[in-house]
Amino acid sequence: MREITRYANRKMYDSRTRGYITLDAVARLVCKGEQVKVTDRDTKGDMTSAVLLQAMMEWEKGKPGAFGSPALSGLIRGAGKKKARK
């Protein structure tokens, strides 16, 4: 599991490489099959989902249609079902 810390200024620090890591680099790690966990430095809260969604938005801006409407709709439906059960 790759441990990444996100700072208030939105910079992220990779504890394995002991250096800063970009949003795109985090997404590439996930594409390679590596598990990542992003933790907020101040609150210690899990920011992984938010960071991965942000990476998806950046990819979509750069290449519209990268994920396709059916895939994105499925993600939203799945999240909606989880929210309805709570």
PDB file of N, CA and C in Angstrom:
ATOM      1  N   MET A   1       0.852  -1.179   0.000  1.00  0.00           N
ATOM      2  CA  MET A   1       0.000   0.000   0.000  1.00  0.00           C
ATOM      3  C   MET A   1       0.893   1.235   0.000  1.00  0.00           C
ATOM      4  N   ARG A   2       0.679   2.108  -0.960  1.00  0.00           N
ATOM      5  CA  ARG A   2       1.452   3.351  -1.056  1.00  0.00           C
ATOM      6  C   ARG A   2       0.775   4.400  -0.185  1.00  0.00           C
ATOM      7  N   GLU A   3       1.474   4.897   0.828  1.00  0.00           N
ATOM      8  CA  GLU A   3       0.949   5.902   1.756  1.00  0.00           C
ATOM      9  C   GLU A   3       1.313   7.296   1.252  1.00  0.00           C
ATOM     10  N   ILE A   4       0.296   8.112   1.033  1.00  0.00           N
ATOM     11  CA  ILE A   4       0.492   9.473   0.534  1.00  0.00           C
ATOM     12  C   ILE A   4      -0.194  10.432   1.494  1.00  0.00           C
ATOM     13  N   THR A   5       0.481  11.506   1.821  1.00  0.00           N
ATOM     14  CA  THR A   5      -0.071  12.529   2.702  1.00  0.00           C
ATOM     15  C   THR A   5      -0.417  13.755   1.880  1.00  0.00           C
ATOM     16  N   ARG A   6      -1.628  14.264   2.080  1.00  0.00           N
ATOM     17  CA  ARG A   6      -2.051  15.470   1.370  1.00  0.00           C
ATOM     18  C   ARG A   6      -2.033  16.641   2.342  1.00  0.00           C
ATOM     19  N   TYR A   7      -1.356  17.699   1.933  1.00  0.00           N
ATOM     20  CA  TYR A   7      -1.225  18.890   2.748  1.00  0.00           C
ATOM     21  C   TYR A   7      -2.325  19.905   2.408  1.00  0.00           C
ATOM     22  N   ALA A   8      -2.496  20.910   3.261  1.00  0.00           N
ATOM     23  CA  ALA A   8      -3.536  21.917   3.070  1.00  0.00           C
ATOM     24  C   ALA A   8      -3.367  22.676   1.755  1.00  0.00           C
ATOM     25  N   ASN A   9      -2.137  22.815   1.277  1.00  0.00           N
ATOM     26  CA  ASN A   9      -1.890  23.526   0.022  1.00  0.00           C
ATOM     27  C   ASN A   9      -2.083  22.622  -1.193  1.00  0.00           C
ATOM     28  N   ARG A  10      -2.656  21.440  -0.991  1.00  0.00           N
ATOM     29  CA  ARG A  10      -2.986  20.451  -2.016  1.00  0.00           C
ATOM     30  C   ARG A  10      -1.777  19.668  -2.527  1.00  0.00           C
ATOM     31  N   LYS A  11      -0.586  19.945  -1.994  1.00  0.00           N
ATOM     32  CA  LYS A  11       0.572  19.137  -2.362  1.00  0.00           C
ATOM     33  C   LYS A  11       0.452  17.781  -1.686  1.00  0.00           C
ATOM     34  N   MET A  12       0.999  16.772  -2.351  1.00  0.00           N
ATOM     35  CA  MET A  12       0.962  15.424  -1.793  1.00  0.00           C
ATOM     36  C   MET A  12       2.381  14.891  -1.661  1.00  0.00           C
ATOM     37  N   TYR A  13       2.605  14.153  -0.586  1.00  0.00           N
ATOM     38  CA  TYR A  13       3.923  13.623  -0.267  1.00  0.00           C
ATOM     39  C   TYR A  13       3.856  12.099  -0.217  1.00  0.00           C
ATOM     40  N   ASP A  14       4.716  11.450  -0.982  1.00  0.00           N
ATOM     41  CA  ASP A  14       4.784   9.995  -1.048  1.00  0.00           C
ATOM     42  C   ASP A  14       5.826   9.524  -0.040  1.00  0.00           C
ATOM     43  N   SER A  15       5.382   8.776   0.967  1.00  0.00           N
ATOM     44  CA  SER A  15       6.309   8.345   2.019  1.00  0.00           C
ATOM     45  C   SER A  15       7.319   7.308   1.519  1.00  0.00           C
ATOM     46  N   ARG A  16       6.989   6.570   0.464  1.00  0.00           N
ATOM     47  CA  ARG A  16       7.918   5.550  -0.050  1.00  0.00           C
ATOM     48  C   ARG A  16       9.104   6.195  -0.768  1.00  0.00           C
ATOM     49  N   THR A  17       8.804   7.178  -1.619  1.00  0.00           N
ATOM     50  CA  THR A  17       9.885   7.829  -2.364  1.00  0.00           C
ATOM     51  C   THR A  17      10.466   9.019  -1.613  1.00  0.00           C
ATOM     52  N   ARG A  18       9.789   9.394  -0.535  1.00  0.00           N
ATOM     53  CA  ARG A  18      10.204  10.550   0.274  1.00  0.00           C
ATOM     54  C   ARG A  18      10.296  11.820  -0.563  1.00  0.00           C
ATOM     55  N   GLY A  19       9.252  12.012  -1.347  1.00  0.00           N
ATOM     56  CA  GLY A  19       9.187  13.209  -2.183  1.00  0.00           C
ATOM     57  C   GLY A  19       7.754  13.535  -2.544  1.00  0.00           C
ATOM     58  N   TYR A  20       7.574  14.698  -3.103  1.00  0.00           N
ATOM     59  CA  TYR A  20       6.235  15.122  -3.520  1.00  0.00           C
ATOM     60  C   TYR A  20       5.817  14.346  -4.762  1.00  0.00           C
ATOM     61  N   ILE A  21       4.511  14.150  -4.900  1.00  0.00           N
ATOM     62  CA  ILE A  21       3.956  13.394  -6.010  1.00  0.00           C
ATOM     63  C   ILE A  21       2.784  14.172  -6.591  1.00  0.00           C
ATOM     64  N   THR A  22       2.640  14.123  -7.891  1.00  0.00           N
ATOM     65  CA  THR A  22       1.568  14.851  -8.557  1.00  0.00           C
ATOM     66  C   THR A  22       0.297  14.007  -8.596  1.00  0.00           C
ATOM     67  N   LEU A  23      -0.801  14.676  -8.870  1.00  0.00           N
ATOM     68  CA  LEU A  23      -2.084  14.012  -9.023  1.00  0.00           C
ATOM     69  C   LEU A  23      -2.027  12.995 -10.153  1.00  0.00           C
ATOM     70  N   ASP A  24      -1.423  13.371 -11.254  1.00  0.00           N
ATOM     71  CA  ASP A  24      -1.293  12.469 -12.393  1.00  0.00           C
ATOM     72  C   ASP A  24      -0.455  11.246 -12.036  1.00  0.00           C
ATOM     73  N   ALA A  25       0.589  11.434 -11.261  1.00  0.00           N
ATOM     74  CA  ALA A  25       1.444  10.315 -10.865  1.00  0.00           C
ATOM     75  C   ALA A  25       0.688   9.347  -9.953  1.00  0.00           C
ATOM     76  N   VAL A  26      -0.164   9.874  -9.090  1.00  0.00           N
ATOM     77  CA  VAL A  26      -0.993   9.013  -8.238  1.00  0.00           C
ATOM     78  C   VAL A  26      -1.911   8.168  -9.118  1.00  0.00           C
ATOM     79  N   ALA A  27      -2.543   8.799 -10.104  1.00  0.00           N
ATOM     80  CA  ALA A  27      -3.436   8.076 -11.013  1.00  0.00           C
ATOM     81  C   ALA A  27      -2.676   6.997 -11.788  1.00  0.00           C
ATOM     82  N   ARG A  28      -1.459   7.293 -12.200  1.00  0.00           N
ATOM     83  CA  ARG A  28      -0.663   6.291 -12.926  1.00  0.00           C
ATOM     84  C   ARG A  28      -0.318   5.100 -12.041  1.00  0.00           C
ATOM     85  N   LEU A  29      -0.066   5.349 -10.753  1.00  0.00           N
ATOM     86  CA  LEU A  29       0.189   4.242  -9.828  1.00  0.00           C
ATOM     87  C   LEU A  29      -1.021   3.317  -9.767  1.00  0.00           C
ATOM     88  N   VAL A  30      -2.199   3.908  -9.686  1.00  0.00           N
ATOM     89  CA  VAL A  30      -3.432   3.120  -9.628  1.00  0.00           C
ATOM     90  C   VAL A  30      -3.607   2.330 -10.922  1.00  0.00           C
ATOM     91  N   CYS A  31      -3.318   2.952 -12.056  1.00  0.00           N
ATOM     92  CA  CYS A  31      -3.426   2.264 -13.345  1.00  0.00           C
ATOM     93  C   CYS A  31      -2.487   1.067 -13.425  1.00  0.00           C
ATOM     94  N   LYS A  32      -1.358   1.158 -12.758  1.00  0.00           N
ATOM     95  CA  LYS A  32      -0.389   0.052 -12.747  1.00  0.00           C
ATOM     96  C   LYS A  32      -0.784  -1.050 -11.760  1.00  0.00           C
ATOM     97  N   GLY A  33      -1.876  -0.821 -11.023  1.00  0.00           N
ATOM     98  CA  GLY A  33      -2.355  -1.830 -10.087  1.00  0.00           C
ATOM     99  C   GLY A  33      -1.907  -1.634  -8.653  1.00  0.00           C
ATOM    100  N   GLU A  34      -1.238  -0.541  -8.373  1.00  0.00           N
ATOM    101  CA  GLU A  34      -0.777  -0.294  -7.011  1.00  0.00           C
ATOM    102  C   GLU A  34      -1.914   0.295  -6.177  1.00  0.00           C
ATOM    103  N   GLN A  35      -2.019  -0.154  -4.947  1.00  0.00           N
ATOM    104  CA  GLN A  35      -3.016   0.407  -4.035  1.00  0.00           C
ATOM    105  C   GLN A  35      -2.419   1.634  -3.371  1.00  0.00           C
ATOM    106  N   VAL A  36      -3.231   2.684  -3.279  1.00  0.00           N
ATOM    107  CA  VAL A  36      -2.778   3.909  -2.638  1.00  0.00           C
ATOM    108  C   VAL A  36      -3.763   4.303  -1.545  1.00  0.00           C
ATOM    109  N   LYS A  37      -3.246   4.975  -0.561  1.00  0.00           N
ATOM    110  CA  LYS A  37      -4.085   5.561   0.482  1.00  0.00           C
ATOM    111  C   LYS A  37      -3.598   6.983   0.690  1.00  0.00           C
ATOM    112  N   VAL A  38      -4.513   7.941   0.522  1.00  0.00           N
ATOM    113  CA  VAL A  38      -4.182   9.348   0.685  1.00  0.00           C
ATOM    114  C   VAL A  38      -4.830   9.827   1.980  1.00  0.00           C
ATOM    115  N   THR A  39      -4.009  10.360   2.867  1.00  0.00           N
ATOM    116  CA  THR A  39      -4.469  10.818   4.169  1.00  0.00           C
ATOM    117  C   THR A  39      -4.230  12.313   4.307  1.00  0.00           C
ATOM    118  N   ASP A  40      -5.230  13.023   4.819  1.00  0.00           N
ATOM    119  CA  ASP A  40      -5.081  14.449   5.082  1.00  0.00           C
ATOM    120  C   ASP A  40      -4.140  14.636   6.260  1.00  0.00           C
ATOM    121  N   ARG A  41      -3.143  15.468   6.088  1.00  0.00           N
ATOM    122  CA  ARG A  41      -2.127  15.672   7.126  1.00  0.00           C
ATOM    123  C   ARG A  41      -2.719  16.216   8.414  1.00  0.00           C
ATOM    124  N   ASP A  42      -3.649  17.168   8.300  1.00  0.00           N
ATOM    125  CA  ASP A  42      -4.172  17.833   9.493  1.00  0.00           C
ATOM    126  C   ASP A  42      -5.259  17.030  10.207  1.00  0.00           C
ATOM    127  N   THR A  43      -6.218  16.497   9.450  1.00  0.00           N
ATOM    128  CA  THR A  43      -7.353  15.798  10.062  1.00  0.00           C
ATOM    129  C   THR A  43      -7.125  14.297  10.196  1.00  0.00           C
ATOM    130  N   LYS A  44      -6.128  13.777   9.495  1.00  0.00           N
ATOM    131  CA  LYS A  44      -5.835  12.338   9.426  1.00  0.00           C
ATOM    132  C   LYS A  44      -6.963  11.565   8.736  1.00  0.00           C
ATOM    133  N   GLY A  45      -7.878  12.282   8.071  1.00  0.00           N
ATOM    134  CA  GLY A  45      -8.974  11.646   7.359  1.00  0.00           C
ATOM    135  C   GLY A  45      -8.522  11.030   6.045  1.00  0.00           C
ATOM    136  N   ASP A  46      -9.273  10.027   5.593  1.00  0.00           N
ATOM    137  CA  ASP A  46      -8.970   9.341   4.341  1.00  0.00           C
ATOM    138  C   ASP A  46      -9.453  10.194   3.172  1.00  0.00           C
ATOM    139  N   MET A  47      -8.534  10.614   2.316  1.00  0.00           N
ATOM    140  CA  MET A  47      -8.833  11.470   1.163  1.00  0.00           C
ATOM    141  C   MET A  47      -8.703  10.710  -0.156  1.00  0.00           C
ATOM    142  N   THR A  48      -8.546   9.399  -0.093  1.00  0.00           N
ATOM    143  CA  THR A  48      -8.256   8.615  -1.287  1.00  0.00           C
ATOM    144  C   THR A  48      -9.318   8.796  -2.366  1.00  0.00           C
ATOM    145  N   SER A  49     -10.579   8.625  -2.018  1.00  0.00           N
ATOM    146  CA  SER A  49     -11.648   8.747  -3.011  1.00  0.00           C
ATOM    147  C   SER A  49     -11.678  10.127  -3.641  1.00  0.00           C
ATOM    148  N   ALA A  50     -11.541  11.159  -2.823  1.00  0.00           N
ATOM    149  CA  ALA A  50     -11.579  12.529  -3.337  1.00  0.00           C
ATOM    150  C   ALA A  50     -10.423  12.785  -4.304  1.00  0.00           C
ATOM    151  N   VAL A  51      -9.245  12.287  -3.974  1.00  0.00           N
ATOM    152  CA  VAL A  51      -8.076  12.494  -4.837  1.00  0.00           C
ATOM    153  C   VAL A  51      -8.241  11.727  -6.147  1.00  0.00           C
ATOM    154  N   LEU A  52      -8.739  10.501  -6.088  1.00  0.00           N
ATOM    155  CA  LEU A  52      -8.930   9.724  -7.313  1.00  0.00           C
ATOM    156  C   LEU A  52     -10.018  10.337  -8.195  1.00  0.00           C
ATOM    157  N   LEU A  53     -11.082  10.856  -7.590  1.00  0.00           N
ATOM    158  CA  LEU A  53     -12.102  11.549  -8.374  1.00  0.00           C
ATOM    159  C   LEU A  53     -11.539  12.805  -9.031  1.00  0.00           C
ATOM    160  N   GLN A  54     -10.699  13.509  -8.299  1.00  0.00           N
ATOM    161  CA  GLN A  54     -10.063  14.704  -8.855  1.00  0.00           C
ATOM    162  C   GLN A  54      -9.175  14.323 -10.046  1.00  0.00           C
ATOM    163  N   ALA A  55      -8.461  13.216  -9.932  1.00  0.00           N
ATOM    164  CA  ALA A  55      -7.618  12.752 -11.034  1.00  0.00           C
ATOM    165  C   ALA A  55      -8.481  12.407 -12.247  1.00  0.00           C
ATOM    166  N   MET A  56      -9.612  11.764 -12.018  1.00  0.00           N
ATOM    167  CA  MET A  56     -10.519  11.434 -13.111  1.00  0.00           C
ATOM    168  C   MET A  56     -11.028  12.699 -13.796  1.00  0.00           C
ATOM    169  N   MET A  57     -11.359  13.714 -13.010  1.00  0.00           N
ATOM    170  CA  MET A  57     -11.835  14.974 -13.591  1.00  0.00           C
ATOM    171  C   MET A  57     -10.761  15.624 -14.448  1.00  0.00           C
ATOM    172  N   GLU A  58      -9.518  15.583 -14.003  1.00  0.00           N
ATOM    173  CA  GLU A  58      -8.427  16.168 -14.775  1.00  0.00           C
ATOM    174  C   GLU A  58      -8.218  15.420 -16.086  1.00  0.00           C
ATOM    175  N   TRP A  59      -8.306  14.097 -16.042  1.00  0.00           N
ATOM    176  CA  TRP A  59      -8.166  13.316 -17.273  1.00  0.00           C
ATOM    177  C   TRP A  59      -9.303  13.634 -18.229  1.00  0.00           C
ATOM    178  N   GLU A  60     -10.509  13.762 -17.692  1.00  0.00           N
ATOM    179  CA  GLU A  60     -11.679  14.043 -18.528  1.00  0.00           C
ATOM    180  C   GLU A  60     -11.565  15.428 -19.171  1.00  0.00           C
ATOM    181  N   LYS A  61     -11.027  16.388 -18.433  1.00  0.00           N
ATOM    182  CA  LYS A  61     -10.821  17.735 -19.005  1.00  0.00           C
ATOM    183  C   LYS A  61      -9.830  17.674 -20.164  1.00  0.00           C
ATOM    184  N   GLY A  62      -8.776  16.914 -19.994  1.00  0.00           N
ATOM    185  CA  GLY A  62      -7.739  16.829 -21.016  1.00  0.00           C
ATOM    186  C   GLY A  62      -8.131  15.989 -22.214  1.00  0.00           C
ATOM    187  N   LYS A  63      -8.990  15.029 -21.990  1.00  0.00           N
ATOM    188  CA  LYS A  63      -9.405  14.122 -23.064  1.00  0.00           C
ATOM    189  C   LYS A  63     -10.877  13.773 -22.850  1.00  0.00           C
ATOM    190  N   PRO A  64     -11.789  14.661 -23.277  1.00  0.00           N
ATOM    191  CA  PRO A  64     -13.218  14.424 -23.059  1.00  0.00           C
ATOM    192  C   PRO A  64     -13.649  13.067 -23.597  1.00  0.00           C
ATOM    193  N   GLY A  65     -14.447  12.381 -22.805  1.00  0.00           N
ATOM    194  CA  GLY A  65     -14.922  11.056 -23.193  1.00  0.00           C
ATOM    195  C   GLY A  65     -13.993   9.937 -22.758  1.00  0.00           C
ATOM    196  N   ALA A  66     -12.965  10.264 -21.975  1.00  0.00           N
ATOM    197  CA  ALA A  66     -11.983   9.266 -21.551  1.00  0.00           C
ATOM    198  C   ALA A  66     -12.638   8.113 -20.786  1.00  0.00           C
ATOM    199  N   PHE A  67     -13.672   8.389 -20.040  1.00  0.00           N
ATOM    200  CA  PHE A  67     -14.310   7.360 -19.227  1.00  0.00           C
ATOM    201  C   PHE A  67     -15.633   6.882 -19.807  1.00  0.00           C
ATOM    202  N   GLY A  68     -16.280   7.699 -20.595  1.00  0.00           N
ATOM    203  CA  GLY A  68     -17.555   7.307 -21.182  1.00  0.00           C
ATOM    204  C   GLY A  68     -18.710   7.491 -20.220  1.00  0.00           C
ATOM    205  N   SER A  69     -19.813   7.943 -20.742  1.00  0.00           N
ATOM    206  CA  SER A  69     -20.993   8.199 -19.924  1.00  0.00           C
ATOM    207  C   SER A  69     -21.517   6.963 -19.201  1.00  0.00           C
ATOM    208  N   PRO A  70     -21.560   5.791 -19.860  1.00  0.00           N
ATOM    209  CA  PRO A  70     -22.071   4.613 -19.143  1.00  0.00           C
ATOM    210  C   PRO A  70     -21.250   4.276 -17.892  1.00  0.00           C
ATOM    211  N   ALA A  71     -19.937   4.363 -17.990  1.00  0.00           N
ATOM    212  CA  ALA A  71     -19.084   4.050 -16.838  1.00  0.00           C
ATOM    213  C   ALA A  71     -19.296   5.058 -15.713  1.00  0.00           C
ATOM    214  N   LEU A  72     -19.343   6.332 -16.061  1.00  0.00           N
ATOM    215  CA  LEU A  72     -19.547   7.364 -15.044  1.00  0.00           C
ATOM    216  C   LEU A  72     -20.939   7.263 -14.435  1.00  0.00           C
ATOM    217  N   SER A  73     -21.940   6.980 -15.252  1.00  0.00           N
ATOM    218  CA  SER A  73     -23.303   6.808 -14.737  1.00  0.00           C
ATOM    219  C   SER A  73     -23.364   5.636 -13.763  1.00  0.00           C
ATOM    220  N   GLY A  74     -22.655   4.566 -14.085  1.00  0.00           N
ATOM    221  CA  GLY A  74     -22.609   3.413 -13.193  1.00  0.00           C
ATOM    222  C   GLY A  74     -21.976   3.742 -11.856  1.00  0.00           C
ATOM    223  N   LEU A  75     -20.925   4.550 -11.874  1.00  0.00           N
ATOM    224  CA  LEU A  75     -20.296   4.970 -10.622  1.00  0.00           C
ATOM    225  C   LEU A  75     -21.265   5.773  -9.764  1.00  0.00           C
ATOM    226  N   ILE A  76     -21.986   6.678 -10.399  1.00  0.00           N
ATOM    227  CA  ILE A  76     -22.934   7.515  -9.665  1.00  0.00           C
ATOM    228  C   ILE A  76     -24.077   6.662  -9.106  1.00  0.00           C
ATOM    229  N   ARG A  77     -24.582   5.730  -9.918  1.00  0.00           N
ATOM    230  CA  ARG A  77     -25.655   4.858  -9.436  1.00  0.00           C
ATOM    231  C   ARG A  77     -25.183   4.033  -8.248  1.00  0.00           C
ATOM    232  N   GLY A  78     -23.974   3.506  -8.330  1.00  0.00           N
ATOM    233  CA  GLY A  78     -23.438   2.717  -7.221  1.00  0.00           C
ATOM    234  C   GLY A  78     -23.289   3.527  -5.953  1.00  0.00           C
ATOM    235  N   ALA A  79     -22.813   4.749  -6.089  1.00  0.00           N
ATOM    236  CA  ALA A  79     -22.665   5.620  -4.926  1.00  0.00           C
ATOM    237  C   ALA A  79     -24.033   5.999  -4.376  1.00  0.00           C
ATOM    238  N   GLY A  80     -24.996   6.207  -5.261  1.00  0.00           N
ATOM    239  CA  GLY A  80     -26.347   6.560  -4.826  1.00  0.00           C
ATOM    240  C   GLY A  80     -26.991   5.438  -4.027  1.00  0.00           C
ATOM    241  N   LYS A  81     -26.751   4.188  -4.421  1.00  0.00           N
ATOM    242  CA  LYS A  81     -27.300   3.041  -3.693  1.00  0.00           C
ATOM    243  C   LYS A  81     -26.697   2.957  -2.308  1.00  0.00           C
ATOM    244  N   LYS A  82     -25.384   3.211  -2.198  1.00  0.00           N
ATOM    245  CA  LYS A  82     -24.732   3.177  -0.897  1.00  0.00           C
ATOM    246  C   LYS A  82     -25.302   4.261   0.013  1.00  0.00           C
ATOM    247  N   LYS A  83     -25.512   5.445  -0.555  1.00  0.00           N
ATOM    248  CA  LYS A  83     -26.025   6.565   0.233  1.00  0.00           C
ATOM    249  C   LYS A  83     -27.447   6.286   0.702  1.00  0.00           C
ATOM    250  N   ALA A  84     -28.265   5.657  -0.139  1.00  0.00           N
ATOM    251  CA  ALA A  84     -29.650   5.358   0.213  1.00  0.00           C
ATOM    252  C   ALA A  84     -29.733   4.345   1.347  1.00  0.00           C
ATOM    253  N   ARG A  85     -28.747   3.443   1.452  1.00  0.00           N
ATOM    254  CA  ARG A  85     -28.763   2.422   2.504  1.00  0.00           C
ATOM    255  C   ARG A  85     -28.392   2.973   3.868  1.00  0.00           C
ATOM    256  N   LYS A  86     -27.721   4.098   3.909  1.00  0.00           N
ATOM    257  CA  LYS A  86     -27.267   4.653   5.202  1.00  0.00           C
ATOM    258  C   LYS A  86     -28.405   5.231   5.986  1.00  0.00           C
TER     259      LYS A  86
END
